[in-house]
Amino acid sequence: SLTPEQVAAAAVAMREIEPRYEILVWLGACAGLRAGEA
């Protein structure tokens, strides 16, 4: 289980790699979606 701070850090890291994929981190953490669903 990640803390909210760890999720936010992962989202920021994803944004730096590919900004449009940042939402995948949030969909996984907040909605429980797998990558294929997201």
Full PDB file with SEQRES, HELIX, SHEET, SSBOND, CRYST1, ORIGX, SCALE, CONECT and MASTER records, all heavy atoms in Angstrom:
SEQRES   1 A   38  SER LEU THR PRO GLU GLN VAL ALA ALA ALA ALA VAL ALA          
SEQRES   2 A   38  MET ARG GLU ILE GLU PRO ARG TYR GLU ILE LEU VAL TRP          
SEQRES   3 A   38  LEU GLY ALA CYS ALA GLY LEU ARG ALA GLY GLU ALA              
HELIX    1 AA1 PRO A    4  ILE A   17  1                                  14    
HELIX    2 AA2 PRO A   19  TYR A   21  5                                   3    
HELIX    3 AA3 GLU A   22  ALA A   31  1                                  10    
CRYST1    1.000    1.000    1.000  90.00  90.00  90.00 P 1           1          
ORIGX1      1.000000  0.000000  0.000000        0.00000                         
ORIGX2      0.000000  1.000000  0.000000        0.00000                         
ORIGX3      0.000000  0.000000  1.000000        0.00000                         
SCALE1      1.000000  0.000000  0.000000        0.00000                         
SCALE2      0.000000  1.000000  0.000000        0.00000                         
SCALE3      0.000000  0.000000  1.000000        0.00000                         
ATOM      1  N   SER A   1       0.853  -1.185   0.000  1.00  0.00           N  
ATOM      2  CA  SER A   1       0.000   0.000   0.000  1.00  0.00           C  
ATOM      3  C   SER A   1       0.888   1.234   0.000  1.00  0.00           C  
ATOM      4  O   SER A   1       1.808   1.340   0.806  1.00  0.00           O  
ATOM      5  CB  SER A   1      -0.910   0.016   1.226  1.00  0.00           C  
ATOM      6  OG  SER A   1      -1.781  -1.074   1.202  1.00  0.00           O  
ATOM      7  N   LEU A   2       0.588   2.142  -0.902  1.00  0.00           N  
ATOM      8  CA  LEU A   2       1.344   3.387  -0.978  1.00  0.00           C  
ATOM      9  C   LEU A   2       0.640   4.480  -0.196  1.00  0.00           C  
ATOM     10  O   LEU A   2      -0.588   4.527  -0.138  1.00  0.00           O  
ATOM     11  CB  LEU A   2       1.497   3.827  -2.438  1.00  0.00           C  
ATOM     12  CG  LEU A   2       2.191   2.857  -3.384  1.00  0.00           C  
ATOM     13  CD1 LEU A   2       2.226   3.436  -4.788  1.00  0.00           C  
ATOM     14  CD2 LEU A   2       3.585   2.535  -2.909  1.00  0.00           C  
ATOM     15  N   THR A   3       1.420   5.363   0.371  1.00  0.00           N  
ATOM     16  CA  THR A   3       0.849   6.533   1.027  1.00  0.00           C  
ATOM     17  C   THR A   3       0.429   7.518  -0.058  1.00  0.00           C  
ATOM     18  O   THR A   3       0.891   7.442  -1.206  1.00  0.00           O  
ATOM     19  CB  THR A   3       1.887   7.202   1.945  1.00  0.00           C  
ATOM     20  OG1 THR A   3       2.944   7.730   1.124  1.00  0.00           O  
ATOM     21  CG2 THR A   3       2.439   6.227   2.969  1.00  0.00           C  
ATOM     22  N   PRO A   4      -0.445   8.473   0.283  1.00  0.00           N  
ATOM     23  CA  PRO A   4      -0.809   9.497  -0.706  1.00  0.00           C  
ATOM     24  C   PRO A   4       0.415  10.238  -1.259  1.00  0.00           C  
ATOM     25  O   PRO A   4       0.470  10.568  -2.452  1.00  0.00           O  
ATOM     26  CB  PRO A   4      -1.722  10.441   0.071  1.00  0.00           C  
ATOM     27  CG  PRO A   4      -2.340   9.564   1.119  1.00  0.00           C  
ATOM     28  CD  PRO A   4      -1.247   8.592   1.496  1.00  0.00           C  
ATOM     29  N   GLU A   5       1.410  10.459  -0.397  1.00  0.00           N  
ATOM     30  CA  GLU A   5       2.622  11.150  -0.841  1.00  0.00           C  
ATOM     31  C   GLU A   5       3.389  10.312  -1.858  1.00  0.00           C  
ATOM     32  O   GLU A   5       3.934  10.837  -2.834  1.00  0.00           O  
ATOM     33  CB  GLU A   5       3.518  11.482   0.360  1.00  0.00           C  
ATOM     34  CG  GLU A   5       2.937  12.504   1.319  1.00  0.00           C  
ATOM     35  CD  GLU A   5       1.893  11.927   2.281  1.00  0.00           C  
ATOM     36  OE1 GLU A   5       1.798  10.685   2.419  1.00  0.00           O  
ATOM     37  OE2 GLU A   5       1.157  12.728   2.878  1.00  0.00           O  
ATOM     38  N   GLN A   6       3.436   8.996  -1.649  1.00  0.00           N  
ATOM     39  CA  GLN A   6       4.129   8.111  -2.590  1.00  0.00           C  
ATOM     40  C   GLN A   6       3.393   8.047  -3.931  1.00  0.00           C  
ATOM     41  O   GLN A   6       4.022   8.004  -4.985  1.00  0.00           O  
ATOM     42  CB  GLN A   6       4.276   6.703  -1.996  1.00  0.00           C  
ATOM     43  CG  GLN A   6       5.251   6.648  -0.838  1.00  0.00           C  
ATOM     44  CD  GLN A   6       5.217   5.309  -0.128  1.00  0.00           C  
ATOM     45  OE1 GLN A   6       4.152   4.742   0.114  1.00  0.00           O  
ATOM     46  NE2 GLN A   6       6.398   4.798   0.207  1.00  0.00           N  
ATOM     47  N   VAL A   7       2.067   8.039  -3.891  1.00  0.00           N  
ATOM     48  CA  VAL A   7       1.286   8.048  -5.135  1.00  0.00           C  
ATOM     49  C   VAL A   7       1.552   9.343  -5.899  1.00  0.00           C  
ATOM     50  O   VAL A   7       1.785   9.333  -7.104  1.00  0.00           O  
ATOM     51  CB  VAL A   7      -0.225   7.880  -4.852  1.00  0.00           C  
ATOM     52  CG1 VAL A   7      -1.043   8.096  -6.119  1.00  0.00           C  
ATOM     53  CG2 VAL A   7      -0.500   6.504  -4.264  1.00  0.00           C  
ATOM     54  N   ALA A   8       1.526  10.458  -5.181  1.00  0.00           N  
ATOM     55  CA  ALA A   8       1.779  11.750  -5.824  1.00  0.00           C  
ATOM     56  C   ALA A   8       3.190  11.792  -6.418  1.00  0.00           C  
ATOM     57  O   ALA A   8       3.387  12.295  -7.533  1.00  0.00           O  
ATOM     58  CB  ALA A   8       1.585  12.889  -4.820  1.00  0.00           C  
ATOM     59  N   ALA A   9       4.160  11.236  -5.710  1.00  0.00           N  
ATOM     60  CA  ALA A   9       5.533  11.204  -6.227  1.00  0.00           C  
ATOM     61  C   ALA A   9       5.623  10.335  -7.484  1.00  0.00           C  
ATOM     62  O   ALA A   9       6.312  10.686  -8.439  1.00  0.00           O  
ATOM     63  CB  ALA A   9       6.489  10.688  -5.149  1.00  0.00           C  
ATOM     64  N   ALA A  10       4.923   9.214  -7.482  1.00  0.00           N  
ATOM     65  CA  ALA A  10       4.913   8.350  -8.667  1.00  0.00           C  
ATOM     66  C   ALA A  10       4.257   9.064  -9.850  1.00  0.00           C  
ATOM     67  O   ALA A  10       4.723   8.961 -10.993  1.00  0.00           O  
ATOM     68  CB  ALA A  10       4.188   7.041  -8.368  1.00  0.00           C  
ATOM     69  N   ALA A  11       3.194   9.819  -9.575  1.00  0.00           N  
ATOM     70  CA  ALA A  11       2.523  10.570 -10.638  1.00  0.00           C  
ATOM     71  C   ALA A  11       3.439  11.644 -11.220  1.00  0.00           C  
ATOM     72  O   ALA A  11       3.501  11.831 -12.437  1.00  0.00           O  
ATOM     73  CB  ALA A  11       1.231  11.198 -10.107  1.00  0.00           C  
ATOM     74  N   VAL A  12       4.169  12.327 -10.351  1.00  0.00           N  
ATOM     75  CA  VAL A  12       5.118  13.342 -10.812  1.00  0.00           C  
ATOM     76  C   VAL A  12       6.219  12.700 -11.647  1.00  0.00           C  
ATOM     77  O   VAL A  12       6.598  13.205 -12.710  1.00  0.00           O  
ATOM     78  CB  VAL A  12       5.706  14.131  -9.613  1.00  0.00           C  
ATOM     79  CG1 VAL A  12       6.893  14.972 -10.039  1.00  0.00           C  
ATOM     80  CG2 VAL A  12       4.635  14.993  -8.973  1.00  0.00           C  
ATOM     81  N   ALA A  13       6.724  11.568 -11.191  1.00  0.00           N  
ATOM     82  CA  ALA A  13       7.778  10.868 -11.937  1.00  0.00           C  
ATOM     83  C   ALA A  13       7.266  10.437 -13.307  1.00  0.00           C  
ATOM     84  O   ALA A  13       7.979  10.554 -14.316  1.00  0.00           O  
ATOM     85  CB  ALA A  13       8.272   9.658 -11.142  1.00  0.00           C  
ATOM     86  N   MET A  14       6.031   9.966 -13.367  1.00  0.00           N  
ATOM     87  CA  MET A  14       5.454   9.565 -14.659  1.00  0.00           C  
ATOM     88  C   MET A  14       5.281  10.776 -15.569  1.00  0.00           C  
ATOM     89  O   MET A  14       5.550  10.698 -16.764  1.00  0.00           O  
ATOM     90  CB  MET A  14       4.112   8.873 -14.439  1.00  0.00           C  
ATOM     91  CG  MET A  14       3.496   8.358 -15.718  1.00  0.00           C  
ATOM     92  SD  MET A  14       4.483   7.110 -16.569  1.00  0.00           S  
ATOM     93  CE  MET A  14       4.029   5.675 -15.645  1.00  0.00           C  
ATOM     94  N   ARG A  15       4.867  11.901 -14.989  1.00  0.00           N  
ATOM     95  CA  ARG A  15       4.700  13.125 -15.777  1.00  0.00           C  
ATOM     96  C   ARG A  15       6.023  13.540 -16.424  1.00  0.00           C  
ATOM     97  O   ARG A  15       6.050  14.003 -17.551  1.00  0.00           O  
ATOM     98  CB  ARG A  15       4.168  14.252 -14.898  1.00  0.00           C  
ATOM     99  CG  ARG A  15       3.885  15.527 -15.679  1.00  0.00           C  
ATOM    100  CD  ARG A  15       3.439  16.707 -14.828  1.00  0.00           C  
ATOM    101  NE  ARG A  15       2.668  16.347 -13.669  1.00  0.00           N  
ATOM    102  CZ  ARG A  15       2.915  16.818 -12.443  1.00  0.00           C  
ATOM    103  NH1 ARG A  15       3.916  17.646 -12.228  1.00  0.00           N  
ATOM    104  NH2 ARG A  15       2.160  16.468 -11.423  1.00  0.00           N  
ATOM    105  N   GLU A  16       7.116  13.349 -15.690  1.00  0.00           N  
ATOM    106  CA  GLU A  16       8.433  13.713 -16.222  1.00  0.00           C  
ATOM    107  C   GLU A  16       8.851  12.795 -17.361  1.00  0.00           C  
ATOM    108  O   GLU A  16       9.560  13.213 -18.275  1.00  0.00           O  
ATOM    109  CB  GLU A  16       9.467  13.692 -15.102  1.00  0.00           C  
ATOM    110  CG  GLU A  16       9.254  14.807 -14.089  1.00  0.00           C  
ATOM    111  CD  GLU A  16      10.152  14.694 -12.876  1.00  0.00           C  
ATOM    112  OE1 GLU A  16      10.965  13.754 -12.811  1.00  0.00           O  
ATOM    113  OE2 GLU A  16      10.029  15.550 -11.979  1.00  0.00           O  
ATOM    114  N   ILE A  17       8.413  11.540 -17.318  1.00  0.00           N  
ATOM    115  CA  ILE A  17       8.742  10.587 -18.387  1.00  0.00           C  
ATOM    116  C   ILE A  17       7.832  10.797 -19.591  1.00  0.00           C  
ATOM    117  O   ILE A  17       8.293  10.913 -20.724  1.00  0.00           O  
ATOM    118  CB  ILE A  17       8.610   9.139 -17.876  1.00  0.00           C  
ATOM    119  CG1 ILE A  17       9.637   8.892 -16.774  1.00  0.00           C  
ATOM    120  CG2 ILE A  17       8.763   8.137 -19.002  1.00  0.00           C  
ATOM    121  CD1 ILE A  17       9.427   7.605 -16.011  1.00  0.00           C  
ATOM    122  N   GLU A  18       6.524  10.829 -19.342  1.00  0.00           N  
ATOM    123  CA  GLU A  18       5.523  11.006 -20.404  1.00  0.00           C  
ATOM    124  C   GLU A  18       4.279  11.629 -19.772  1.00  0.00           C  
ATOM    125  O   GLU A  18       3.497  10.928 -19.126  1.00  0.00           O  
ATOM    126  CB  GLU A  18       5.185   9.662 -21.051  1.00  0.00           C  
ATOM    127  CG  GLU A  18       4.131   9.731 -22.126  1.00  0.00           C  
ATOM    128  CD  GLU A  18       4.488  10.665 -23.275  1.00  0.00           C  
ATOM    129  OE1 GLU A  18       5.524  10.438 -23.921  1.00  0.00           O  
ATOM    130  OE2 GLU A  18       3.719  11.618 -23.514  1.00  0.00           O  
ATOM    131  N   PRO A  19       4.089  12.940 -19.925  1.00  0.00           N  
ATOM    132  CA  PRO A  19       3.023  13.653 -19.218  1.00  0.00           C  
ATOM    133  C   PRO A  19       1.624  13.050 -19.363  1.00  0.00           C  
ATOM    134  O   PRO A  19       0.873  13.010 -18.404  1.00  0.00           O  
ATOM    135  CB  PRO A  19       3.081  15.061 -19.812  1.00  0.00           C  
ATOM    136  CG  PRO A  19       4.486  15.208 -20.273  1.00  0.00           C  
ATOM    137  CD  PRO A  19       4.904  13.843 -20.733  1.00  0.00           C  
ATOM    138  N   ARG A  20       1.294  12.561 -20.536  1.00  0.00           N  
ATOM    139  CA  ARG A  20      -0.067  12.065 -20.729  1.00  0.00           C  
ATOM    140  C   ARG A  20      -0.344  10.769 -19.974  1.00  0.00           C  
ATOM    141  O   ARG A  20      -1.491  10.379 -19.804  1.00  0.00           O  
ATOM    142  CB  ARG A  20      -0.373  11.880 -22.209  1.00  0.00           C  
ATOM    143  CG  ARG A  20       0.491  10.851 -22.885  1.00  0.00           C  
ATOM    144  CD  ARG A  20       0.282  10.878 -24.382  1.00  0.00           C  
ATOM    145  NE  ARG A  20       1.193   9.951 -25.006  1.00  0.00           N  
ATOM    146  CZ  ARG A  20       0.863   9.133 -25.981  1.00  0.00           C  
ATOM    147  NH1 ARG A  20      -0.355   9.166 -26.453  1.00  0.00           N  
ATOM    148  NH2 ARG A  20       1.744   8.323 -26.494  1.00  0.00           N  
ATOM    149  N   TYR A  21       0.686  10.087 -19.483  1.00  0.00           N  
ATOM    150  CA  TYR A  21       0.491   8.852 -18.735  1.00  0.00           C  
ATOM    151  C   TYR A  21       0.389   9.061 -17.227  1.00  0.00           C  
ATOM    152  O   TYR A  21       0.189   8.117 -16.476  1.00  0.00           O  
ATOM    153  CB  TYR A  21       1.591   7.845 -19.047  1.00  0.00           C  
ATOM    154  CG  TYR A  21       1.529   7.298 -20.454  1.00  0.00           C  
ATOM    155  CD1 TYR A  21       2.683   6.946 -21.117  1.00  0.00           C  
ATOM    156  CD2 TYR A  21       0.318   7.141 -21.112  1.00  0.00           C  
ATOM    157  CE1 TYR A  21       2.639   6.445 -22.411  1.00  0.00           C  
ATOM    158  CE2 TYR A  21       0.260   6.647 -22.400  1.00  0.00           C  
ATOM    159  CZ  TYR A  21       1.417   6.291 -23.050  1.00  0.00           C  
ATOM    160  OH  TYR A  21       1.364   5.804 -24.316  1.00  0.00           O  
ATOM    161  N   GLU A  22       0.520  10.291 -16.784  1.00  0.00           N  
ATOM    162  CA  GLU A  22       0.383  10.571 -15.351  1.00  0.00           C  
ATOM    163  C   GLU A  22      -0.967  10.083 -14.830  1.00  0.00           C  
ATOM    164  O   GLU A  22      -1.073   9.546 -13.732  1.00  0.00           O  
ATOM    165  CB  GLU A  22       0.524  12.069 -15.083  1.00  0.00           C  
ATOM    166  CG  GLU A  22       0.264  12.445 -13.642  1.00  0.00           C  
ATOM    167  CD  GLU A  22       0.258  13.945 -13.409  1.00  0.00           C  
ATOM    168  OE1 GLU A  22       0.454  14.722 -14.354  1.00  0.00           O  
ATOM    169  OE2 GLU A  22       0.050  14.327 -12.242  1.00  0.00           O  
ATOM    170  N   ILE A  23      -1.997  10.230 -15.653  1.00  0.00           N  
ATOM    171  CA  ILE A  23      -3.343   9.834 -15.232  1.00  0.00           C  
ATOM    172  C   ILE A  23      -3.421   8.341 -14.918  1.00  0.00           C  
ATOM    173  O   ILE A  23      -4.241   7.915 -14.109  1.00  0.00           O  
ATOM    174  CB  ILE A  23      -4.401  10.253 -16.281  1.00  0.00           C  
ATOM    175  CG1 ILE A  23      -5.816  10.060 -15.741  1.00  0.00           C  
ATOM    176  CG2 ILE A  23      -4.230   9.483 -17.569  1.00  0.00           C  
ATOM    177  CD1 ILE A  23      -6.162  10.917 -14.572  1.00  0.00           C  
ATOM    178  N   LEU A  24      -2.547   7.521 -15.527  1.00  0.00           N  
ATOM    179  CA  LEU A  24      -2.566   6.086 -15.232  1.00  0.00           C  
ATOM    180  C   LEU A  24      -2.262   5.812 -13.768  1.00  0.00           C  
ATOM    181  O   LEU A  24      -2.850   4.915 -13.154  1.00  0.00           O  
ATOM    182  CB  LEU A  24      -1.570   5.342 -16.125  1.00  0.00           C  
ATOM    183  CG  LEU A  24      -1.873   5.325 -17.612  1.00  0.00           C  
ATOM    184  CD1 LEU A  24      -0.754   4.620 -18.364  1.00  0.00           C  
ATOM    185  CD2 LEU A  24      -3.207   4.670 -17.876  1.00  0.00           C  
ATOM    186  N   VAL A  25      -1.350   6.585 -13.199  1.00  0.00           N  
ATOM    187  CA  VAL A  25      -1.017   6.421 -11.782  1.00  0.00           C  
ATOM    188  C   VAL A  25      -2.240   6.742 -10.936  1.00  0.00           C  
ATOM    189  O   VAL A  25      -2.604   5.987 -10.026  1.00  0.00           O  
ATOM    190  CB  VAL A  25       0.172   7.322 -11.381  1.00  0.00           C  
ATOM    191  CG1 VAL A  25       0.419   7.265  -9.882  1.00  0.00           C  
ATOM    192  CG2 VAL A  25       1.419   6.932 -12.152  1.00  0.00           C  
ATOM    193  N   TRP A  26      -2.911   7.844 -11.253  1.00  0.00           N  
ATOM    194  CA  TRP A  26      -4.080   8.255 -10.475  1.00  0.00           C  
ATOM    195  C   TRP A  26      -5.238   7.278 -10.648  1.00  0.00           C  
ATOM    196  O   TRP A  26      -5.942   6.971  -9.680  1.00  0.00           O  
ATOM    197  CB  TRP A  26      -4.502   9.673 -10.847  1.00  0.00           C  
ATOM    198  CG  TRP A  26      -3.485  10.689 -10.445  1.00  0.00           C  
ATOM    199  CD1 TRP A  26      -2.699  11.442 -11.260  1.00  0.00           C  
ATOM    200  CD2 TRP A  26      -3.110  11.045  -9.114  1.00  0.00           C  
ATOM    201  NE1 TRP A  26      -1.868  12.243 -10.516  1.00  0.00           N  
ATOM    202  CE2 TRP A  26      -2.099  12.017  -9.196  1.00  0.00           C  
ATOM    203  CE3 TRP A  26      -3.523  10.622  -7.854  1.00  0.00           C  
ATOM    204  CZ2 TRP A  26      -1.510  12.579  -8.071  1.00  0.00           C  
ATOM    205  CZ3 TRP A  26      -2.934  11.185  -6.727  1.00  0.00           C  
ATOM    206  CH2 TRP A  26      -1.942  12.151  -6.847  1.00  0.00           C  
ATOM    207  N   LEU A  27      -5.444   6.775 -11.850  1.00  0.00           N  
ATOM    208  CA  LEU A  27      -6.524   5.799 -12.072  1.00  0.00           C  
ATOM    209  C   LEU A  27      -6.255   4.493 -11.331  1.00  0.00           C  
ATOM    210  O   LEU A  27      -7.177   3.873 -10.805  1.00  0.00           O  
ATOM    211  CB  LEU A  27      -6.705   5.535 -13.573  1.00  0.00           C  
ATOM    212  CG  LEU A  27      -7.363   6.657 -14.364  1.00  0.00           C  
ATOM    213  CD1 LEU A  27      -7.219   6.407 -15.853  1.00  0.00           C  
ATOM    214  CD2 LEU A  27      -8.819   6.803 -13.969  1.00  0.00           C  
ATOM    215  N   GLY A  28      -5.005   4.095 -11.278  1.00  0.00           N  
ATOM    216  CA  GLY A  28      -4.661   2.886 -10.537  1.00  0.00           C  
ATOM    217  C   GLY A  28      -4.837   3.071  -9.044  1.00  0.00           C  
ATOM    218  O   GLY A  28      -5.396   2.215  -8.353  1.00  0.00           O  
ATOM    219  N   ALA A  29      -4.368   4.204  -8.530  1.00  0.00           N  
ATOM    220  CA  ALA A  29      -4.409   4.443  -7.084  1.00  0.00           C  
ATOM    221  C   ALA A  29      -5.809   4.791  -6.584  1.00  0.00           C  
ATOM    222  O   ALA A  29      -6.222   4.326  -5.529  1.00  0.00           O  
ATOM    223  CB  ALA A  29      -3.441   5.569  -6.719  1.00  0.00           C  
ATOM    224  N   CYS A  30      -6.543   5.600  -7.338  1.00  0.00           N  
ATOM    225  CA  CYS A  30      -7.838   6.091  -6.857  1.00  0.00           C  
ATOM    226  C   CYS A  30      -9.020   5.231  -7.285  1.00  0.00           C  
ATOM    227  O   CYS A  30     -10.045   5.212  -6.599  1.00  0.00           O  
ATOM    228  CB  CYS A  30      -8.062   7.524  -7.344  1.00  0.00           C  
ATOM    229  SG  CYS A  30      -6.857   8.695  -6.711  1.00  0.00           S  
ATOM    230  N   ALA A  31      -8.903   4.534  -8.411  1.00  0.00           N  
ATOM    231  CA  ALA A  31     -10.029   3.741  -8.904  1.00  0.00           C  
ATOM    232  C   ALA A  31      -9.720   2.244  -8.933  1.00  0.00           C  
ATOM    233  O   ALA A  31     -10.602   1.439  -9.187  1.00  0.00           O  
ATOM    234  CB  ALA A  31     -10.435   4.210 -10.302  1.00  0.00           C  
ATOM    235  N   GLY A  32      -8.456   1.879  -8.710  1.00  0.00           N  
ATOM    236  CA  GLY A  32      -8.092   0.464  -8.712  1.00  0.00           C  
ATOM    237  C   GLY A  32      -8.043  -0.159 -10.091  1.00  0.00           C  
ATOM    238  O   GLY A  32      -8.117  -1.374 -10.229  1.00  0.00           O  
ATOM    239  N   LEU A  33      -7.915   0.671 -11.132  1.00  0.00           N  
ATOM    240  CA  LEU A  33      -7.893   0.133 -12.490  1.00  0.00           C  
ATOM    241  C   LEU A  33      -6.537  -0.458 -12.835  1.00  0.00           C  
ATOM    242  O   LEU A  33      -5.502   0.048 -12.425  1.00  0.00           O  
ATOM    243  CB  LEU A  33      -8.218   1.232 -13.509  1.00  0.00           C  
ATOM    244  CG  LEU A  33      -9.595   1.883 -13.412  1.00  0.00           C  
ATOM    245  CD1 LEU A  33      -9.795   2.839 -14.577  1.00  0.00           C  
ATOM    246  CD2 LEU A  33     -10.695   0.854 -13.371  1.00  0.00           C  
ATOM    247  N   ARG A  34      -6.567  -1.535 -13.590  1.00  0.00           N  
ATOM    248  CA  ARG A  34      -5.341  -2.085 -14.164  1.00  0.00           C  
ATOM    249  C   ARG A  34      -5.003  -1.253 -15.396  1.00  0.00           C  
ATOM    250  O   ARG A  34      -5.840  -0.515 -15.927  1.00  0.00           O  
ATOM    251  CB  ARG A  34      -5.547  -3.549 -14.529  1.00  0.00           C  
ATOM    252  CG  ARG A  34      -5.795  -4.427 -13.302  1.00  0.00           C  
ATOM    253  CD  ARG A  34      -5.949  -5.876 -13.705  1.00  0.00           C  
ATOM    254  NE  ARG A  34      -7.204  -6.099 -14.384  1.00  0.00           N  
ATOM    255  CZ  ARG A  34      -8.297  -6.600 -13.807  1.00  0.00           C  
ATOM    256  NH1 ARG A  34      -8.270  -6.918 -12.544  1.00  0.00           N  
ATOM    257  NH2 ARG A  34      -9.389  -6.773 -14.499  1.00  0.00           N  
ATOM    258  N   ALA A  35      -3.780  -1.375 -15.871  1.00  0.00           N  
ATOM    259  CA  ALA A  35      -3.321  -0.563 -17.001  1.00  0.00           C  
ATOM    260  C   ALA A  35      -4.214  -0.743 -18.226  1.00  0.00           C  
ATOM    261  O   ALA A  35      -4.593   0.236 -18.875  1.00  0.00           O  
ATOM    262  CB  ALA A  35      -1.873  -0.901 -17.342  1.00  0.00           C  
ATOM    263  N   GLY A  36      -4.570  -1.964 -18.560  1.00  0.00           N  
ATOM    264  CA  GLY A  36      -5.406  -2.220 -19.732  1.00  0.00           C  
ATOM    265  C   GLY A  36      -6.761  -1.553 -19.634  1.00  0.00           C  
ATOM    266  O   GLY A  36      -7.295  -1.046 -20.627  1.00  0.00           O  
ATOM    267  N   GLU A  37      -7.340  -1.543 -18.444  1.00  0.00           N  
ATOM    268  CA  GLU A  37      -8.630  -0.882 -18.234  1.00  0.00           C  
ATOM    269  C   GLU A  37      -8.480   0.635 -18.328  1.00  0.00           C  
ATOM    270  O   GLU A  37      -9.294   1.315 -18.952  1.00  0.00           O  
ATOM    271  CB  GLU A  37      -9.213  -1.265 -16.876  1.00  0.00           C  
ATOM    272  CG  GLU A  37      -9.542  -2.729 -16.745  1.00  0.00           C  
ATOM    273  CD  GLU A  37      -9.782  -3.163 -15.313  1.00  0.00           C  
ATOM    274  OE1 GLU A  37      -9.300  -2.499 -14.366  1.00  0.00           O  
ATOM    275  OE2 GLU A  37     -10.445  -4.189 -15.150  1.00  0.00           O  
ATOM    276  N   ALA A  38      -7.445   1.155 -17.703  1.00  0.00           N  
ATOM    277  CA  ALA A  38      -7.222   2.605 -17.718  1.00  0.00           C  
ATOM    278  C   ALA A  38      -6.951   3.106 -19.132  1.00  0.00           C  
ATOM    279  O   ALA A  38      -7.456   4.159 -19.533  1.00  0.00           O  
ATOM    280  CB  ALA A  38      -6.069   2.967 -16.789  1.00  0.00           C  
TER     281      ALA A  38                                                      
MASTER        0    0    0    3    0    0    0    6  280    1    0    3          
END                                                                             
